[in-house]
Amino acid sequence: MQQTHAEMTIDAVRAEMARRRASVRVVSDGTGISKSSLQRRLEGKYPFTITQLSAIARFLNVPLAALLPLDQDAA
């Protein structure tokens, strides 16, 4: 079964957090996104906003594109 864009984004954020061994608390503190809000987004209960993804990308020192799913139809 193919993943949704939201699921691919969550996977990308989780992967970058794992690469840097950054916990939800660390990312929350570093981005200003509340811990509960970040956790709900990582659980897929709510989608990430572009502002949140930008803050996470800056904090993790990765390009924003690393957290956004590639549109397979455009590839």
Protein backbone atom coordinates (compact mmCIF):
# COMPACT_ATOMS: atom_id res chain seq x y z
CA MET A 1 0.00 0.00 0.00
CA GLN A 2 1.31 3.42 -0.97
CA GLN A 3 1.94 5.99 1.76
CA THR A 4 0.22 9.36 1.78
CA HIS A 5 2.24 12.56 1.56
CA ALA A 6 1.49 13.20 5.24
CA GLU A 7 2.86 9.77 6.19
CA MET A 8 5.98 10.29 4.08
CA THR A 9 6.54 13.67 5.74
CA ILE A 10 6.21 12.13 9.20
CA ASP A 11 8.68 9.39 8.24
CA ALA A 12 11.14 11.98 6.92
CA VAL A 13 10.92 14.08 10.09
CA ARG A 14 11.32 11.01 12.30
CA ALA A 15 14.30 9.81 10.23
CA GLU A 16 16.09 13.16 10.49
CA MET A 17 15.38 13.32 14.23
CA ALA A 18 16.80 9.80 14.63
CA ARG A 19 19.92 10.63 12.58
CA ARG A 20 20.63 13.47 14.98
CA ARG A 21 19.42 11.55 18.03
CA ALA A 22 17.04 14.43 18.74
CA SER A 23 14.09 13.63 20.99
CA VAL A 24 10.67 15.22 20.71
CA ARG A 25 11.57 17.40 23.71
CA VAL A 26 14.83 18.58 22.12
CA VAL A 27 13.15 19.43 18.81
CA SER A 28 10.28 21.09 20.64
CA ASP A 29 12.65 23.23 22.69
CA GLY A 30 14.73 24.09 19.63
CA THR A 31 11.84 25.04 17.38
CA GLY A 32 9.30 26.59 19.71
CA ILE A 33 6.70 23.98 18.70
CA SER A 34 5.03 22.69 21.84
CA LYS A 35 5.95 19.14 22.78
CA SER A 36 2.31 18.00 22.66
CA SER A 37 1.76 19.61 19.25
CA LEU A 38 4.90 18.03 17.82
CA GLN A 39 3.97 14.64 19.27
CA ARG A 40 0.45 14.78 17.80
CA ARG A 41 1.89 15.58 14.38
CA LEU A 42 4.42 12.76 14.60
CA GLU A 43 1.55 10.42 15.48
CA GLY A 44 -0.35 11.56 12.39
CA LYS A 45 -3.24 13.06 14.34
CA TYR A 46 -2.71 16.48 12.71
CA PRO A 47 -0.70 17.51 9.64
CA PHE A 48 2.48 19.55 9.89
CA THR A 49 2.27 23.14 8.68
CA ILE A 50 4.93 24.49 6.35
CA THR A 51 5.98 26.87 9.13
CA GLN A 52 6.53 23.95 11.50
CA LEU A 53 8.44 21.97 8.88
CA SER A 54 10.62 25.01 8.14
CA ALA A 55 11.44 25.40 11.83
CA ILE A 56 12.25 21.71 12.16
CA ALA A 57 14.44 21.77 9.04
CA ARG A 58 16.35 24.80 10.35
CA PHE A 59 16.82 23.21 13.75
CA LEU A 60 17.98 19.88 12.30
CA ASN A 61 20.15 21.71 9.78
CA VAL A 62 18.63 20.03 6.73
CA PRO A 63 17.02 21.56 3.64
CA LEU A 64 13.25 21.84 3.88
CA ALA A 65 13.03 19.61 0.79
CA ALA A 66 14.49 16.75 2.87
CA LEU A 67 11.28 16.72 4.92
CA LEU A 68 8.85 17.00 2.02
CA PRO A 69 7.75 13.97 0.03
CA LEU A 70 8.69 13.74 -3.61
CA ASP A 71 5.67 13.73 -5.88
CA GLN A 72 6.13 10.39 -7.65
CA ASP A 73 4.04 11.54 -10.62
CA ALA A 74 6.43 14.45 -11.24
CA ALA A 75 9.54 12.28 -10.94
